[in-house]
Amino acid sequence: MTTFVARTRKQVIDENFEAFQQILPQILIAHHGKVALLRDRRVDDVFGTATEAIREGKQRYPDKMFSIQTVEHEKPAYLGWFSHNS
């Protein structure tokens, strides 16, 4: 029997942030200053502004199980809960 464990939004955001930190060096040059939309521990898309990323995230994922991160040097801002509850 398979047991399904629902993840909380905080868990999803934390997992996305961990994955983002690992791939940041690979996307930094091409997307510096832009905003990444993350879902399921991967970068789904990159946008010019946080507003665009949030709008698209809400449209693509009505369950709001996504997060966003600014593509910046080594210490990206942890936007956490705010990232999709605006």
PDB file of N, CA and C in Angstrom:
ATOM      1  N   MET A   1       0.840  -1.176   0.000  1.00  0.00           N
ATOM      2  CA  MET A   1       0.000   0.000   0.000  1.00  0.00           C
ATOM      3  C   MET A   1       0.886   1.240   0.000  1.00  0.00           C
ATOM      4  N   THR A   2       0.562   2.178  -0.851  1.00  0.00           N
ATOM      5  CA  THR A   2       1.305   3.423  -0.937  1.00  0.00           C
ATOM      6  C   THR A   2       0.677   4.451  -0.011  1.00  0.00           C
ATOM      7  N   THR A   3       1.514   5.122   0.751  1.00  0.00           N
ATOM      8  CA  THR A   3       1.038   6.164   1.642  1.00  0.00           C
ATOM      9  C   THR A   3       1.373   7.516   1.034  1.00  0.00           C
ATOM     10  N   PHE A   4       0.363   8.352   0.876  1.00  0.00           N
ATOM     11  CA  PHE A   4       0.556   9.687   0.323  1.00  0.00           C
ATOM     12  C   PHE A   4       0.632  10.671   1.481  1.00  0.00           C
ATOM     13  N   VAL A   5       1.702  11.450   1.497  1.00  0.00           N
ATOM     14  CA  VAL A   5       1.865  12.465   2.530  1.00  0.00           C
ATOM     15  C   VAL A   5       1.830  13.829   1.849  1.00  0.00           C
ATOM     16  N   ALA A   6       0.823  14.604   2.180  1.00  0.00           N
ATOM     17  CA  ALA A   6       0.694  15.939   1.583  1.00  0.00           C
ATOM     18  C   ALA A   6       1.747  16.864   2.176  1.00  0.00           C
ATOM     19  N   ARG A   7       2.418  17.585   1.297  1.00  0.00           N
ATOM     20  CA  ARG A   7       3.414  18.552   1.750  1.00  0.00           C
ATOM     21  C   ARG A   7       2.729  19.886   2.013  1.00  0.00           C
ATOM     22  N   THR A   8       3.214  20.591   3.002  1.00  0.00           N
ATOM     23  CA  THR A   8       2.694  21.923   3.280  1.00  0.00           C
ATOM     24  C   THR A   8       3.342  22.918   2.327  1.00  0.00           C
ATOM     25  N   ARG A   9       2.774  24.098   2.219  1.00  0.00           N
ATOM     26  CA  ARG A   9       3.374  25.137   1.376  1.00  0.00           C
ATOM     27  C   ARG A   9       4.778  25.467   1.855  1.00  0.00           C
ATOM     28  N   LYS A  10       4.963  25.517   3.159  1.00  0.00           N
ATOM     29  CA  LYS A  10       6.294  25.826   3.697  1.00  0.00           C
ATOM     30  C   LYS A  10       7.297  24.759   3.273  1.00  0.00           C
ATOM     31  N   GLN A  11       6.917  23.494   3.317  1.00  0.00           N
ATOM     32  CA  GLN A  11       7.818  22.428   2.896  1.00  0.00           C
ATOM     33  C   GLN A  11       8.168  22.574   1.418  1.00  0.00           C
ATOM     34  N   VAL A  12       7.177  22.870   0.599  1.00  0.00           N
ATOM     35  CA  VAL A  12       7.402  23.048  -0.832  1.00  0.00           C
ATOM     36  C   VAL A  12       8.370  24.201  -1.068  1.00  0.00           C
ATOM     37  N   ILE A  13       8.147  25.316  -0.391  1.00  0.00           N
ATOM     38  CA  ILE A  13       9.010  26.485  -0.542  1.00  0.00           C
ATOM     39  C   ILE A  13      10.431  26.168  -0.099  1.00  0.00           C
ATOM     40  N   ASP A  14      10.567  25.498   1.025  1.00  0.00           N
ATOM     41  CA  ASP A  14      11.894  25.126   1.521  1.00  0.00           C
ATOM     42  C   ASP A  14      12.611  24.197   0.546  1.00  0.00           C
ATOM     43  N   GLU A  15      11.891  23.220   0.007  1.00  0.00           N
ATOM     44  CA  GLU A  15      12.489  22.281  -0.958  1.00  0.00           C
ATOM     45  C   GLU A  15      12.899  23.015  -2.232  1.00  0.00           C
ATOM     46  N   ASN A  16      12.048  23.910  -2.703  1.00  0.00           N
ATOM     47  CA  ASN A  16      12.382  24.685  -3.899  1.00  0.00           C
ATOM     48  C   ASN A  16      13.610  25.558  -3.665  1.00  0.00           C
ATOM     49  N   PHE A  17      13.700  26.161  -2.485  1.00  0.00           N
ATOM     50  CA  PHE A  17      14.840  27.021  -2.170  1.00  0.00           C
ATOM     51  C   PHE A  17      16.144  26.216  -2.160  1.00  0.00           C
ATOM     52  N   GLU A  18      16.112  25.031  -1.570  1.00  0.00           N
ATOM     53  CA  GLU A  18      17.308  24.163  -1.561  1.00  0.00           C
ATOM     54  C   GLU A  18      17.742  23.828  -2.979  1.00  0.00           C
ATOM     55  N   ALA A  19      16.790  23.436  -3.797  1.00  0.00           N
ATOM     56  CA  ALA A  19      17.107  23.089  -5.184  1.00  0.00           C
ATOM     57  C   ALA A  19      17.624  24.300  -5.942  1.00  0.00           C
ATOM     58  N   PHE A  20      17.029  25.460  -5.694  1.00  0.00           N
ATOM     59  CA  PHE A  20      17.447  26.695  -6.354  1.00  0.00           C
ATOM     60  C   PHE A  20      18.897  27.025  -6.027  1.00  0.00           C
ATOM     61  N   GLN A  21      19.273  26.883  -4.782  1.00  0.00           N
ATOM     62  CA  GLN A  21      20.648  27.177  -4.381  1.00  0.00           C
ATOM     63  C   GLN A  21      21.638  26.285  -5.128  1.00  0.00           C
ATOM     64  N   GLN A  22      21.250  25.056  -5.399  1.00  0.00           N
ATOM     65  CA  GLN A  22      22.146  24.131  -6.098  1.00  0.00           C
ATOM     66  C   GLN A  22      22.307  24.486  -7.576  1.00  0.00           C
ATOM     67  N   ILE A  23      21.249  24.991  -8.204  1.00  0.00           N
ATOM     68  CA  ILE A  23      21.336  25.294  -9.638  1.00  0.00           C
ATOM     69  C   ILE A  23      21.687  26.753  -9.926  1.00  0.00           C
ATOM     70  N   LEU A  24      21.720  27.570  -8.900  1.00  0.00           N
ATOM     71  CA  LEU A  24      21.996  28.994  -9.085  1.00  0.00           C
ATOM     72  C   LEU A  24      23.252  29.257  -9.920  1.00  0.00           C
ATOM     73  N   PRO A  25      24.386  28.614  -9.646  1.00  0.00           N
ATOM     74  CA  PRO A  25      25.583  28.906 -10.449  1.00  0.00           C
ATOM     75  C   PRO A  25      25.378  28.654 -11.948  1.00  0.00           C
ATOM     76  N   GLN A  26      24.508  27.711 -12.296  1.00  0.00           N
ATOM     77  CA  GLN A  26      24.277  27.374 -13.698  1.00  0.00           C
ATOM     78  C   GLN A  26      23.415  28.401 -14.418  1.00  0.00           C
ATOM     79  N   ILE A  27      22.557  29.114 -13.697  1.00  0.00           N
ATOM     80  CA  ILE A  27      21.649  30.060 -14.345  1.00  0.00           C
ATOM     81  C   ILE A  27      22.001  31.521 -14.083  1.00  0.00           C
ATOM     82  N   LEU A  28      22.971  31.751 -13.238  1.00  0.00           N
ATOM     83  CA  LEU A  28      23.294  33.106 -12.792  1.00  0.00           C
ATOM     84  C   LEU A  28      23.670  34.048 -13.929  1.00  0.00           C
ATOM     85  N   ILE A  29      24.555  33.648 -14.791  1.00  0.00           N
ATOM     86  CA  ILE A  29      25.020  34.538 -15.857  1.00  0.00           C
ATOM     87  C   ILE A  29      23.898  34.871 -16.838  1.00  0.00           C
ATOM     88  N   ALA A  30      23.147  33.877 -17.249  1.00  0.00           N
ATOM     89  CA  ALA A  30      22.098  34.096 -18.248  1.00  0.00           C
ATOM     90  C   ALA A  30      20.886  34.837 -17.698  1.00  0.00           C
ATOM     91  N   HIS A  31      20.632  34.717 -16.387  1.00  0.00           N
ATOM     92  CA  HIS A  31      19.383  35.252 -15.836  1.00  0.00           C
ATOM     93  C   HIS A  31      19.563  36.179 -14.636  1.00  0.00           C
ATOM     94  N   HIS A  32      20.763  36.713 -14.447  1.00  0.00           N
ATOM     95  CA  HIS A  32      21.019  37.573 -13.286  1.00  0.00           C
ATOM     96  C   HIS A  32      20.017  38.730 -13.216  1.00  0.00           C
ATOM     97  N   GLY A  33      19.447  38.922 -12.028  1.00  0.00           N
ATOM     98  CA  GLY A  33      18.496  39.998 -11.802  1.00  0.00           C
ATOM     99  C   GLY A  33      17.059  39.653 -12.144  1.00  0.00           C
ATOM    100  N   LYS A  34      16.843  38.518 -12.753  1.00  0.00           N
ATOM    101  CA  LYS A  34      15.488  38.091 -13.103  1.00  0.00           C
ATOM    102  C   LYS A  34      14.910  37.262 -11.953  1.00  0.00           C
ATOM    103  N   VAL A  35      13.700  36.800 -12.133  1.00  0.00           N
ATOM    104  CA  VAL A  35      13.007  36.066 -11.073  1.00  0.00           C
ATOM    105  C   VAL A  35      12.602  34.688 -11.585  1.00  0.00           C
ATOM    106  N   ALA A  36      13.026  33.659 -10.854  1.00  0.00           N
ATOM    107  CA  ALA A  36      12.725  32.283 -11.230  1.00  0.00           C
ATOM    108  C   ALA A  36      11.432  31.820 -10.562  1.00  0.00           C
ATOM    109  N   LEU A  37      10.609  31.135 -11.335  1.00  0.00           N
ATOM    110  CA  LEU A  37       9.405  30.479 -10.832  1.00  0.00           C
ATOM    111  C   LEU A  37       9.768  29.023 -10.595  1.00  0.00           C
ATOM    112  N   LEU A  38       9.572  28.555  -9.363  1.00  0.00           N
ATOM    113  CA  LEU A  38       9.973  27.199  -9.003  1.00  0.00           C
ATOM    114  C   LEU A  38       8.770  26.335  -8.644  1.00  0.00           C
ATOM    115  N   ARG A  39       8.851  25.085  -9.083  1.00  0.00           N
ATOM    116  CA  ARG A  39       7.809  24.110  -8.780  1.00  0.00           C
ATOM    117  C   ARG A  39       8.476  22.741  -8.752  1.00  0.00           C
ATOM    118  N   ASP A  40       8.151  21.960  -7.744  1.00  0.00           N
ATOM    119  CA  ASP A  40       8.674  20.590  -7.630  1.00  0.00           C
ATOM    120  C   ASP A  40      10.193  20.524  -7.731  1.00  0.00           C
ATOM    121  N   ARG A  41      10.863  21.418  -7.019  1.00  0.00           N
ATOM    122  CA  ARG A  41      12.329  21.440  -6.914  1.00  0.00           C
ATOM    123  C   ARG A  41      13.046  21.732  -8.234  1.00  0.00           C
ATOM    124  N   ARG A  42      12.377  22.459  -9.122  1.00  0.00           N
ATOM    125  CA  ARG A  42      13.022  22.823 -10.383  1.00  0.00           C
ATOM    126  C   ARG A  42      12.569  24.210 -10.813  1.00  0.00           C
ATOM    127  N   VAL A  43      13.390  24.847 -11.625  1.00  0.00           N
ATOM    128  CA  VAL A  43      13.031  26.143 -12.193  1.00  0.00           C
ATOM    129  C   VAL A  43      12.098  25.879 -13.363  1.00  0.00           C
ATOM    130  N   ASP A  44      10.893  26.380 -13.244  1.00  0.00           N
ATOM    131  CA  ASP A  44       9.885  26.170 -14.281  1.00  0.00           C
ATOM    132  C   ASP A  44      10.016  27.207 -15.389  1.00  0.00           C
ATOM    133  N   ASP A  45      10.364  28.442 -14.991  1.00  0.00           N
ATOM    134  CA  ASP A  45      10.479  29.525 -15.961  1.00  0.00           C
ATOM    135  C   ASP A  45      11.197  30.698 -15.291  1.00  0.00           C
ATOM    136  N   VAL A  46      11.592  31.685 -16.069  1.00  0.00           N
ATOM    137  CA  VAL A  46      12.269  32.872 -15.550  1.00  0.00           C
ATOM    138  C   VAL A  46      11.562  34.103 -16.102  1.00  0.00           C
ATOM    139  N   PHE A  47      11.359  35.107 -15.239  1.00  0.00           N
ATOM    140  CA  PHE A  47      10.616  36.312 -15.611  1.00  0.00           C
ATOM    141  C   PHE A  47      11.416  37.561 -15.268  1.00  0.00           C
ATOM    142  N   GLY A  48      11.018  38.671 -15.847  1.00  0.00           N
ATOM    143  CA  GLY A  48      11.701  39.931 -15.610  1.00  0.00           C
ATOM    144  C   GLY A  48      11.415  40.542 -14.251  1.00  0.00           C
ATOM    145  N   THR A  49      10.218  40.270 -13.712  1.00  0.00           N
ATOM    146  CA  THR A  49       9.843  40.844 -12.421  1.00  0.00           C
ATOM    147  C   THR A  49       9.150  39.793 -11.544  1.00  0.00           C
ATOM    148  N   ALA A  50       9.133  40.081 -10.248  1.00  0.00           N
ATOM    149  CA  ALA A  50       8.434  39.198  -9.309  1.00  0.00           C
ATOM    150  C   ALA A  50       6.939  39.185  -9.591  1.00  0.00           C
ATOM    151  N   THR A  51       6.405  40.326  -9.960  1.00  0.00           N
ATOM    152  CA  THR A  51       4.969  40.409 -10.262  1.00  0.00           C
ATOM    153  C   THR A  51       4.596  39.474 -11.408  1.00  0.00           C
ATOM    154  N   GLU A  52       5.409  39.464 -12.446  1.00  0.00           N
ATOM    155  CA  GLU A  52       5.153  38.565 -13.582  1.00  0.00           C
ATOM    156  C   GLU A  52       5.246  37.105 -13.149  1.00  0.00           C
ATOM    157  N   ALA A  53       6.249  36.790 -12.349  1.00  0.00           N
ATOM    158  CA  ALA A  53       6.442  35.410 -11.902  1.00  0.00           C
ATOM    159  C   ALA A  53       5.280  34.945 -11.023  1.00  0.00           C
ATOM    160  N   ILE A  54       4.837  35.796 -10.117  1.00  0.00           N
ATOM    161  CA  ILE A  54       3.715  35.441  -9.243  1.00  0.00           C
ATOM    162  C   ILE A  54       2.440  35.271 -10.056  1.00  0.00           C
ATOM    163  N   ARG A  55       2.183  36.200 -10.951  1.00  0.00           N
ATOM    164  CA  ARG A  55       0.980  36.124 -11.793  1.00  0.00           C
ATOM    165  C   ARG A  55       0.961  34.812 -12.579  1.00  0.00           C
ATOM    166  N   GLU A  56       2.087  34.482 -13.186  1.00  0.00           N
ATOM    167  CA  GLU A  56       2.160  33.254 -13.979  1.00  0.00           C
ATOM    168  C   GLU A  56       2.057  32.018 -13.085  1.00  0.00           C
ATOM    169  N   GLY A  57       2.691  32.064 -11.922  1.00  0.00           N
ATOM    170  CA  GLY A  57       2.609  30.942 -10.990  1.00  0.00           C
ATOM    171  C   GLY A  57       1.181  30.668 -10.563  1.00  0.00           C
ATOM    172  N   LYS A  58       0.433  31.714 -10.273  1.00  0.00           N
ATOM    173  CA  LYS A  58      -0.971  31.552  -9.876  1.00  0.00           C
ATOM    174  C   LYS A  58      -1.810  30.987 -11.015  1.00  0.00           C
ATOM    175  N   GLN A  59      -1.489  31.416 -12.239  1.00  0.00           N
ATOM    176  CA  GLN A  59      -2.237  30.915 -13.398  1.00  0.00           C
ATOM    177  C   GLN A  59      -1.918  29.446 -13.663  1.00  0.00           C
ATOM    178  N   ARG A  60      -0.639  29.097 -13.618  1.00  0.00           N
ATOM    179  CA  ARG A  60      -0.239  27.720 -13.899  1.00  0.00           C
ATOM    180  C   ARG A  60      -0.585  26.757 -12.771  1.00  0.00           C
ATOM    181  N   TYR A  61      -0.502  27.246 -11.539  1.00  0.00           N
ATOM    182  CA  TYR A  61      -0.633  26.377 -10.377  1.00  0.00           C
ATOM    183  C   TYR A  61      -1.673  26.926  -9.396  1.00  0.00           C
ATOM    184  N   PRO A  62      -2.945  26.672  -9.647  1.00  0.00           N
ATOM    185  CA  PRO A  62      -3.992  27.176  -8.759  1.00  0.00           C
ATOM    186  C   PRO A  62      -3.866  26.676  -7.317  1.00  0.00           C
ATOM    187  N   ASP A  63      -3.134  25.580  -7.119  1.00  0.00           N
ATOM    188  CA  ASP A  63      -2.938  25.069  -5.752  1.00  0.00           C
ATOM    189  C   ASP A  63      -1.920  25.909  -4.974  1.00  0.00           C
ATOM    190  N   LYS A  64      -1.285  26.876  -5.663  1.00  0.00           N
ATOM    191  CA  LYS A  64      -0.302  27.795  -5.083  1.00  0.00           C
ATOM    192  C   LYS A  64       0.928  27.080  -4.502  1.00  0.00           C
ATOM    193  N   MET A  65       1.224  25.906  -4.997  1.00  0.00           N
ATOM    194  CA  MET A  65       2.385  25.152  -4.521  1.00  0.00           C
ATOM    195  C   MET A  65       3.590  25.465  -5.406  1.00  0.00           C
ATOM    196  N   PHE A  66       3.987  26.724  -5.374  1.00  0.00           N
ATOM    197  CA  PHE A  66       5.147  27.195  -6.117  1.00  0.00           C
ATOM    198  C   PHE A  66       5.832  28.266  -5.282  1.00  0.00           C
ATOM    199  N   SER A  67       7.007  28.653  -5.723  1.00  0.00           N
ATOM    200  CA  SER A  67       7.698  29.760  -5.076  1.00  0.00           C
ATOM    201  C   SER A  67       8.493  30.506  -6.135  1.00  0.00           C
ATOM    202  N   ILE A  68       9.019  31.653  -5.742  1.00  0.00           N
ATOM    203  CA  ILE A  68       9.849  32.435  -6.656  1.00  0.00           C
ATOM    204  C   ILE A  68      11.140  32.806  -5.943  1.00  0.00           C
ATOM    205  N   GLN A  69      12.176  33.026  -6.726  1.00  0.00           N
ATOM    206  CA  GLN A  69      13.466  33.472  -6.189  1.00  0.00           C
ATOM    207  C   GLN A  69      14.117  34.412  -7.191  1.00  0.00           C
ATOM    208  N   THR A  70      14.740  35.444  -6.663  1.00  0.00           N
ATOM    209  CA  THR A  70      15.510  36.355  -7.498  1.00  0.00           C
ATOM    210  C   THR A  70      16.855  35.706  -7.806  1.00  0.00           C
ATOM    211  N   VAL A  71      17.244  35.743  -9.062  1.00  0.00           N
ATOM    212  CA  VAL A  71      18.510  35.160  -9.485  1.00  0.00           C
ATOM    213  C   VAL A  71      19.606  36.182  -9.192  1.00  0.00           C
ATOM    214  N   GLU A  72      20.308  35.970  -8.074  1.00  0.00           N
ATOM    215  CA  GLU A  72      21.355  36.872  -7.608  1.00  0.00           C
ATOM    216  C   GLU A  72      22.574  36.068  -7.189  1.00  0.00           C
ATOM    217  N   HIS A  73      23.652  36.771  -6.936  1.00  0.00           N
ATOM    218  CA  HIS A  73      24.872  36.124  -6.468  1.00  0.00           C
ATOM    219  C   HIS A  73      24.632  35.379  -5.171  1.00  0.00           C
ATOM    220  N   GLU A  74      25.297  34.282  -5.030  1.00  0.00           N
ATOM    221  CA  GLU A  74      25.354  33.378  -3.881  1.00  0.00           C
ATOM    222  C   GLU A  74      24.294  33.456  -2.789  1.00  0.00           C
ATOM    223  N   LYS A  75      23.858  34.612  -2.370  1.00  0.00           N
ATOM    224  CA  LYS A  75      22.903  34.691  -1.268  1.00  0.00           C
ATOM    225  C   LYS A  75      21.558  35.228  -1.772  1.00  0.00           C
ATOM    226  N   PRO A  76      20.759  34.389  -2.439  1.00  0.00           N
ATOM    227  CA  PRO A  76      19.466  34.862  -2.917  1.00  0.00           C
ATOM    228  C   PRO A  76      18.542  35.182  -1.745  1.00  0.00           C
ATOM    229  N   ALA A  77      17.669  36.122  -1.944  1.00  0.00           N
ATOM    230  CA  ALA A  77      16.706  36.478  -0.904  1.00  0.00           C
ATOM    231  C   ALA A  77      15.699  35.362  -0.753  1.00  0.00           C
ATOM    232  N   TYR A  78      15.471  34.929   0.474  1.00  0.00           N
ATOM    233  CA  TYR A  78      14.485  33.897   0.747  1.00  0.00           C
ATOM    234  C   TYR A  78      13.129  34.575   0.827  1.00  0.00           C
ATOM    235  N   LEU A  79      12.318  34.422  -0.209  1.00  0.00           N
ATOM    236  CA  LEU A  79      11.029  35.091  -0.272  1.00  0.00           C
ATOM    237  C   LEU A  79       9.928  34.269   0.390  1.00  0.00           C
ATOM    238  N   GLY A  80      10.174  32.990   0.560  1.00  0.00           N
ATOM    239  CA  GLY A  80       9.290  32.106   1.312  1.00  0.00           C
ATOM    240  C   GLY A  80       7.811  32.309   1.118  1.00  0.00           C
ATOM    241  N   TRP A  81       7.102  32.395   2.191  1.00  0.00           N
ATOM    242  CA  TRP A  81       5.652  32.474   2.209  1.00  0.00           C
ATOM    243  C   TRP A  81       5.151  33.641   1.361  1.00  0.00           C
ATOM    244  N   PHE A  82       5.819  34.759   1.419  1.00  0.00           N
ATOM    245  CA  PHE A  82       5.381  35.938   0.689  1.00  0.00           C
ATOM    246  C   PHE A  82       5.355  35.703  -0.812  1.00  0.00           C
ATOM    247  N   SER A  83       6.192  34.817  -1.282  1.00  0.00           N
ATOM    248  CA  SER A  83       6.384  34.668  -2.717  1.00  0.00           C
ATOM    249  C   SER A  83       5.125  34.327  -3.487  1.00  0.00           C
ATOM    250  N   HIS A  84       4.154  33.716  -2.877  1.00  0.00           N
ATOM    251  CA  HIS A  84       2.941  33.404  -3.637  1.00  0.00           C
ATOM    252  C   HIS A  84       1.661  33.731  -2.873  1.00  0.00           C
ATOM    253  N   ASN A  85       1.769  34.529  -1.840  1.00  0.00           N
ATOM    254  CA  ASN A  85       0.582  34.915  -1.092  1.00  0.00           C
ATOM    255  C   ASN A  85       0.314  36.407  -1.197  1.00  0.00           C
ATOM    256  N   SER A  86       0.846  37.021  -2.212  1.00  0.00           N
ATOM    257  CA  SER A  86       0.668  38.474  -2.383  1.00  0.00           C
ATOM    258  C   SER A  86      -0.646  38.757  -3.071  1.00  0.00           C
TER     259      SER A  86
END
